Amino acid sequence: KMFGILIPGKEIMTNFEEYDGFWAMDLENPSEINVLGFYLNVPIADDTMGASLYISKPPHETAELDFIGAVANTRPSDIFHTGWAVDPSVNIHSSIKLVVKPEPQQARGQARVAREHKIAGRAERVEPHHPAVCDESGEEPLQLHGELQHKHEQRYHTAGARECLQQVVRQVHNEV
């Protein structure tokens, strides 16, 4: 097993199936996964290459791959915040596929930029004063995690929106 996935509270997963030039495995209940670790079990023979992690949403035959992150010999493990709980293109599915592809480091950088643009687009759809985000009624507020939280903060600079975001950040930190 060349690499593995670690999801808090679950057993380590290394059951990737090998295909022609990539590896894949099913991942159940993606909406429940806020963070995952991706790591190399053995060094990659070519130091210019890395292992890029993607998701494929149903139907897998026609699905585009969405970049999650990458590892390489210089950084053999990493932790990624998924944002799947608030991503309707993912959280509607009971199962997705994790796909690993060997790629040159330059391609991994381009995929990372594309992912950041997609995350920024999701953040723009969240209203800064929406009751689901800043509800003082005691109901659970919308939880923003990782990069989505960061992009949300970058997009809304008004004092009221910043206070709202600080409430969300405090809620997230209290749950972690």
C-alpha atoms as a PDB file:
ATOM      1  CA  LYS A   1       0.000   0.000   0.000  1.00  0.00           C
ATOM      2  CA  MET A   2       1.639   3.213  -1.194  1.00  0.00           C
ATOM      3  CA  PHE A   3      -0.604   5.667   0.667  1.00  0.00           C
ATOM      4  CA  GLY A   4      -3.468   5.888   3.095  1.00  0.00           C
ATOM      5  CA  ILE A   5      -6.317   7.995   4.423  1.00  0.00           C
ATOM      6  CA  LEU A   6      -6.948   8.846   8.057  1.00  0.00           C
ATOM      7  CA  ILE A   7     -10.325  10.188   9.144  1.00  0.00           C
ATOM      8  CA  PRO A   8     -10.706  11.058  12.837  1.00  0.00           C
ATOM      9  CA  GLY A   9     -12.670   8.369  14.667  1.00  0.00           C
ATOM     10  CA  LYS A  10     -12.275   5.784  11.881  1.00  0.00           C
ATOM     11  CA  GLU A  11      -9.754   3.097  11.088  1.00  0.00           C
ATOM     12  CA  ILE A  12      -6.899   3.933   8.732  1.00  0.00           C
ATOM     13  CA  MET A  13      -7.891   3.210   5.127  1.00  0.00           C
ATOM     14  CA  THR A  14      -5.409   1.826   2.613  1.00  0.00           C
ATOM     15  CA  ASN A  15      -7.823  -0.212   0.480  1.00  0.00           C
ATOM     16  CA  PHE A  16      -7.322   1.714  -2.770  1.00  0.00           C
ATOM     17  CA  GLU A  17      -7.944  -0.334  -5.915  1.00  0.00           C
ATOM     18  CA  GLU A  18      -5.374   0.163  -8.658  1.00  0.00           C
ATOM     19  CA  TYR A  19      -6.537   1.067 -12.150  1.00  0.00           C
ATOM     20  CA  ASP A  20      -4.617   2.212 -15.219  1.00  0.00           C
ATOM     21  CA  GLY A  21      -2.600   5.143 -13.866  1.00  0.00           C
ATOM     22  CA  PHE A  22      -4.652   5.903 -10.741  1.00  0.00           C
ATOM     23  CA  TRP A  23      -6.071   4.406  -7.539  1.00  0.00           C
ATOM     24  CA  ALA A  24      -9.600   4.735  -6.126  1.00  0.00           C
ATOM     25  CA  MET A  25     -11.703   3.744  -3.128  1.00  0.00           C
ATOM     26  CA  ASP A  26     -15.287   4.319  -2.007  1.00  0.00           C
ATOM     27  CA  LEU A  27     -15.900   6.690   0.880  1.00  0.00           C
ATOM     28  CA  GLU A  28     -19.219   6.449   2.711  1.00  0.00           C
ATOM     29  CA  ASN A  29     -21.098   9.394   4.277  1.00  0.00           C
ATOM     30  CA  PRO A  30     -18.871  12.218   3.008  1.00  0.00           C
ATOM     31  CA  SER A  31     -21.083  14.878   4.633  1.00  0.00           C
ATOM     32  CA  GLU A  32     -19.909  13.611   8.038  1.00  0.00           C
ATOM     33  CA  ILE A  33     -16.225  14.104   7.198  1.00  0.00           C
ATOM     34  CA  ASN A  34     -14.855  17.559   8.004  1.00  0.00           C
ATOM     35  CA  VAL A  35     -11.173  16.709   7.927  1.00  0.00           C
ATOM     36  CA  LEU A  36      -9.032  13.925   6.524  1.00  0.00           C
ATOM     37  CA  GLY A  37      -5.371  13.033   6.513  1.00  0.00           C
ATOM     38  CA  PHE A  38      -3.561  11.760   3.406  1.00  0.00           C
ATOM     39  CA  TYR A  39      -0.111  10.213   3.680  1.00  0.00           C
ATOM     40  CA  LEU A  40       2.570   8.242   1.847  1.00  0.00           C
ATOM     41  CA  ASN A  41       3.514   4.830   3.224  1.00  0.00           C
ATOM     42  CA  VAL A  42       6.616   4.629   1.021  1.00  0.00           C
ATOM     43  CA  PRO A  43       8.648   7.353  -0.723  1.00  0.00           C
ATOM     44  CA  ILE A  44       7.866   8.127  -4.357  1.00  0.00           C
ATOM     45  CA  ALA A  45      10.731   6.993  -6.631  1.00  0.00           C
ATOM     46  CA  ASP A  46      10.744  10.270  -8.639  1.00  0.00           C
ATOM     47  CA  ASP A  47      11.221  13.376  -6.451  1.00  0.00           C
ATOM     48  CA  THR A  48       9.547  15.591  -9.087  1.00  0.00           C
ATOM     49  CA  MET A  49       6.276  13.687  -8.663  1.00  0.00           C
ATOM     50  CA  GLY A  50       3.634  13.702  -5.986  1.00  0.00           C
ATOM     51  CA  ALA A  51       0.379  11.907  -5.215  1.00  0.00           C
ATOM     52  CA  SER A  52      -2.697  14.096  -5.747  1.00  0.00           C
ATOM     53  CA  LEU A  53      -5.954  13.281  -3.945  1.00  0.00           C
ATOM     54  CA  TYR A  54      -9.280  13.994  -5.667  1.00  0.00           C
ATOM     55  CA  ILE A  55     -12.936  13.149  -5.169  1.00  0.00           C
ATOM     56  CA  SER A  56     -15.297  11.799  -7.780  1.00  0.00           C
ATOM     57  CA  LYS A  57     -19.018  12.308  -7.280  1.00  0.00           C
ATOM     58  CA  PRO A  58     -21.694  10.059  -8.831  1.00  0.00           C
ATOM     59  CA  PRO A  59     -22.110   9.228 -11.636  1.00  0.00           C
ATOM     60  CA  HIS A  60     -18.419   8.357 -11.600  1.00  0.00           C
ATOM     61  CA  GLU A  61     -18.223   7.512 -15.296  1.00  0.00           C
ATOM     62  CA  THR A  62     -18.856  11.141 -16.295  1.00  0.00           C
ATOM     63  CA  ALA A  63     -17.751  12.957 -13.151  1.00  0.00           C
ATOM     64  CA  GLU A  64     -15.013  15.529 -13.050  1.00  0.00           C
ATOM     65  CA  LEU A  65     -12.415  15.137 -10.357  1.00  0.00           C
ATOM     66  CA  ASP A  66     -12.304  17.754  -7.584  1.00  0.00           C
ATOM     67  CA  PHE A  67      -8.862  18.326  -6.090  1.00  0.00           C
ATOM     68  CA  ILE A  68      -8.455  17.899  -2.318  1.00  0.00           C
ATOM     69  CA  GLY A  69      -4.690  18.082  -1.827  1.00  0.00           C
ATOM     70  CA  ALA A  70      -1.391  16.345  -2.448  1.00  0.00           C
ATOM     71  CA  VAL A  71       1.591  14.765  -0.757  1.00  0.00           C
ATOM     72  CA  ALA A  72       5.150  14.216  -1.957  1.00  0.00           C
ATOM     73  CA  ASN A  73       8.500  13.086  -0.588  1.00  0.00           C
ATOM     74  CA  THR A  74       9.128  16.616   0.693  1.00  0.00           C
ATOM     75  CA  ARG A  75       5.782  16.569   2.574  1.00  0.00           C
ATOM     76  CA  PRO A  76       4.722  12.920   2.966  1.00  0.00           C
ATOM     77  CA  SER A  77       1.531  13.650   4.897  1.00  0.00           C
ATOM     78  CA  ASP A  78      -1.010  16.414   5.199  1.00  0.00           C
ATOM     79  CA  ILE A  79      -4.405  17.176   6.709  1.00  0.00           C
ATOM     80  CA  PHE A  80      -7.199  18.688   4.618  1.00  0.00           C
ATOM     81  CA  HIS A  81     -10.450  20.361   5.630  1.00  0.00           C
ATOM     82  CA  THR A  82     -13.092  19.083   3.237  1.00  0.00           C
ATOM     83  CA  GLY A  83     -16.020  21.498   3.562  1.00  0.00           C
ATOM     84  CA  TRP A  84     -18.263  18.643   2.379  1.00  0.00           C
ATOM     85  CA  ALA A  85     -20.859  19.218   5.105  1.00  0.00           C
ATOM     86  CA  VAL A  86     -21.753  22.576   3.517  1.00  0.00           C
ATOM     87  CA  ASP A  87     -21.097  21.622  -0.115  1.00  0.00           C
ATOM     88  CA  PRO A  88     -24.394  20.538  -1.712  1.00  0.00           C
ATOM     89  CA  SER A  89     -22.563  18.981  -4.659  1.00  0.00           C
ATOM     90  CA  VAL A  90     -21.057  16.474  -2.189  1.00  0.00           C
ATOM     91  CA  ASN A  91     -23.351  16.239   0.858  1.00  0.00           C
ATOM     92  CA  ILE A  92     -26.303  14.945  -1.186  1.00  0.00           C
ATOM     93  CA  HIS A  93     -24.393  11.721  -1.897  1.00  0.00           C
ATOM     94  CA  SER A  94     -24.211   8.751   0.455  1.00  0.00           C
ATOM     95  CA  SER A  95     -20.909   7.726  -1.127  1.00  0.00           C
ATOM     96  CA  ILE A  96     -18.148   9.289  -3.218  1.00  0.00           C
ATOM     97  CA  LYS A  97     -14.848   7.964  -4.520  1.00  0.00           C
ATOM     98  CA  LEU A  98     -11.421   9.095  -3.416  1.00  0.00           C
ATOM     99  CA  VAL A  99      -9.032   9.060  -6.367  1.00  0.00           C
ATOM    100  CA  VAL A 100      -5.228   9.266  -6.197  1.00  0.00           C
ATOM    101  CA  LYS A 101      -3.211  10.187  -9.268  1.00  0.00           C
ATOM    102  CA  PRO A 102       0.561  10.531  -9.613  1.00  0.00           C
ATOM    103  CA  GLU A 103       1.265  14.023 -10.945  1.00  0.00           C
ATOM    104  CA  PRO A 104       4.192  16.391 -11.438  1.00  0.00           C
ATOM    105  CA  GLN A 105       4.380  19.026  -8.720  1.00  0.00           C
ATOM    106  CA  GLN A 106       3.491  21.807 -11.221  1.00  0.00           C
ATOM    107  CA  ALA A 107       0.135  20.136 -12.006  1.00  0.00           C
ATOM    108  CA  ARG A 108      -0.601  19.819  -8.284  1.00  0.00           C
ATOM    109  CA  GLY A 109      -0.145  23.588  -7.867  1.00  0.00           C
ATOM    110  CA  GLN A 110      -2.608  24.306 -10.677  1.00  0.00           C
ATOM    111  CA  ALA A 111      -5.174  21.949  -9.132  1.00  0.00           C
ATOM    112  CA  ARG A 112      -4.774  23.687  -5.752  1.00  0.00           C
ATOM    113  CA  VAL A 113      -5.521  27.091  -7.324  1.00  0.00           C
ATOM    114  CA  ALA A 114      -8.639  25.677  -9.026  1.00  0.00           C
ATOM    115  CA  ARG A 115      -9.828  24.279  -5.668  1.00  0.00           C
ATOM    116  CA  GLU A 116      -9.336  27.642  -3.954  1.00  0.00           C
ATOM    117  CA  HIS A 117     -11.499  29.334  -6.593  1.00  0.00           C
ATOM    118  CA  LYS A 118     -14.233  26.748  -6.108  1.00  0.00           C
ATOM    119  CA  ILE A 119     -14.153  27.198  -2.315  1.00  0.00           C
ATOM    120  CA  ALA A 120     -14.312  30.980  -2.721  1.00  0.00           C
ATOM    121  CA  GLY A 121     -17.425  30.524  -4.858  1.00  0.00           C
ATOM    122  CA  ARG A 122     -19.123  28.514  -2.092  1.00  0.00           C
ATOM    123  CA  ALA A 123     -18.214  31.182   0.463  1.00  0.00           C
ATOM    124  CA  GLU A 124     -19.786  33.887  -1.682  1.00  0.00           C
ATOM    125  CA  ARG A 125     -23.120  32.051  -1.539  1.00  0.00           C
ATOM    126  CA  VAL A 126     -23.220  32.277   2.283  1.00  0.00           C
ATOM    127  CA  GLU A 127     -24.976  35.413   3.438  1.00  0.00           C
ATOM    128  CA  PRO A 128     -23.022  37.058   6.279  1.00  0.00           C
ATOM    129  CA  HIS A 129     -26.138  37.927   8.315  1.00  0.00           C
ATOM    130  CA  HIS A 130     -28.214  34.908   7.444  1.00  0.00           C
ATOM    131  CA  PRO A 131     -29.989  33.527  10.544  1.00  0.00           C
ATOM    132  CA  ALA A 132     -28.414  30.101   9.971  1.00  0.00           C
ATOM    133  CA  VAL A 133     -24.990  31.691  10.444  1.00  0.00           C
ATOM    134  CA  CYS A 134     -25.690  34.130  13.284  1.00  0.00           C
ATOM    135  CA  ASP A 135     -28.646  32.780  15.141  1.00  0.00           C
ATOM    136  CA  GLU A 136     -28.691  33.693  18.823  1.00  0.00           C
ATOM    137  CA  SER A 137     -31.770  31.541  19.460  1.00  0.00           C
ATOM    138  CA  GLY A 138     -29.652  28.643  20.666  1.00  0.00           C
ATOM    139  CA  GLU A 139     -30.114  26.646  17.494  1.00  0.00           C
ATOM    140  CA  GLU A 140     -26.949  25.248  15.957  1.00  0.00           C
ATOM    141  CA  PRO A 141     -25.369  27.769  13.564  1.00  0.00           C
ATOM    142  CA  LEU A 142     -23.950  26.914  10.162  1.00  0.00           C
ATOM    143  CA  GLN A 143     -20.457  25.537  10.643  1.00  0.00           C
ATOM    144  CA  LEU A 144     -17.750  26.806   8.332  1.00  0.00           C
ATOM    145  CA  HIS A 145     -14.481  24.892   8.391  1.00  0.00           C
ATOM    146  CA  GLY A 146     -10.947  25.401   7.134  1.00  0.00           C
ATOM    147  CA  GLU A 147     -10.532  27.154   3.833  1.00  0.00           C
ATOM    148  CA  LEU A 148     -14.256  27.861   3.481  1.00  0.00           C
ATOM    149  CA  GLN A 149     -14.169  29.761   6.777  1.00  0.00           C
ATOM    150  CA  HIS A 150     -11.069  31.681   5.663  1.00  0.00           C
ATOM    151  CA  LYS A 151     -12.592  32.605   2.268  1.00  0.00           C
ATOM    152  CA  HIS A 152     -15.831  33.685   3.972  1.00  0.00           C
ATOM    153  CA  GLU A 153     -13.847  36.054   6.184  1.00  0.00           C
ATOM    154  CA  GLN A 154     -11.984  37.477   3.177  1.00  0.00           C
ATOM    155  CA  ARG A 155     -15.224  38.182   1.284  1.00  0.00           C
ATOM    156  CA  TYR A 156     -17.118  40.077   3.988  1.00  0.00           C
ATOM    157  CA  HIS A 157     -15.282  42.969   5.591  1.00  0.00           C
ATOM    158  CA  THR A 158     -18.071  44.942   7.238  1.00  0.00           C
ATOM    159  CA  ALA A 159     -18.068  45.205  11.006  1.00  0.00           C
ATOM    160  CA  GLY A 160     -21.352  43.318  11.357  1.00  0.00           C
ATOM    161  CA  ALA A 161     -20.222  40.504   9.094  1.00  0.00           C
ATOM    162  CA  ARG A 162     -16.922  40.254  10.944  1.00  0.00           C
ATOM    163  CA  GLU A 163     -18.789  39.926  14.280  1.00  0.00           C
ATOM    164  CA  CYS A 164     -20.984  37.269  12.732  1.00  0.00           C
ATOM    165  CA  LEU A 165     -17.976  35.354  11.467  1.00  0.00           C
ATOM    166  CA  GLN A 166     -16.301  35.591  14.868  1.00  0.00           C
ATOM    167  CA  GLN A 167     -19.369  33.896  16.364  1.00  0.00           C
ATOM    168  CA  VAL A 168     -19.039  31.111  13.803  1.00  0.00           C
ATOM    169  CA  VAL A 169     -15.299  30.759  14.470  1.00  0.00           C
ATOM    170  CA  ARG A 170     -15.899  30.535  18.231  1.00  0.00           C
ATOM    171  CA  GLN A 171     -18.544  27.845  17.641  1.00  0.00           C
ATOM    172  CA  VAL A 172     -16.178  25.843  15.400  1.00  0.00           C
ATOM    173  CA  HIS A 173     -13.304  26.095  17.871  1.00  0.00           C
ATOM    174  CA  ASN A 174     -15.533  25.019  20.756  1.00  0.00           C
ATOM    175  CA  GLU A 175     -16.501  21.864  18.824  1.00  0.00           C
ATOM    176  CA  VAL A 176     -12.940  20.916  17.804  1.00  0.00           C
END
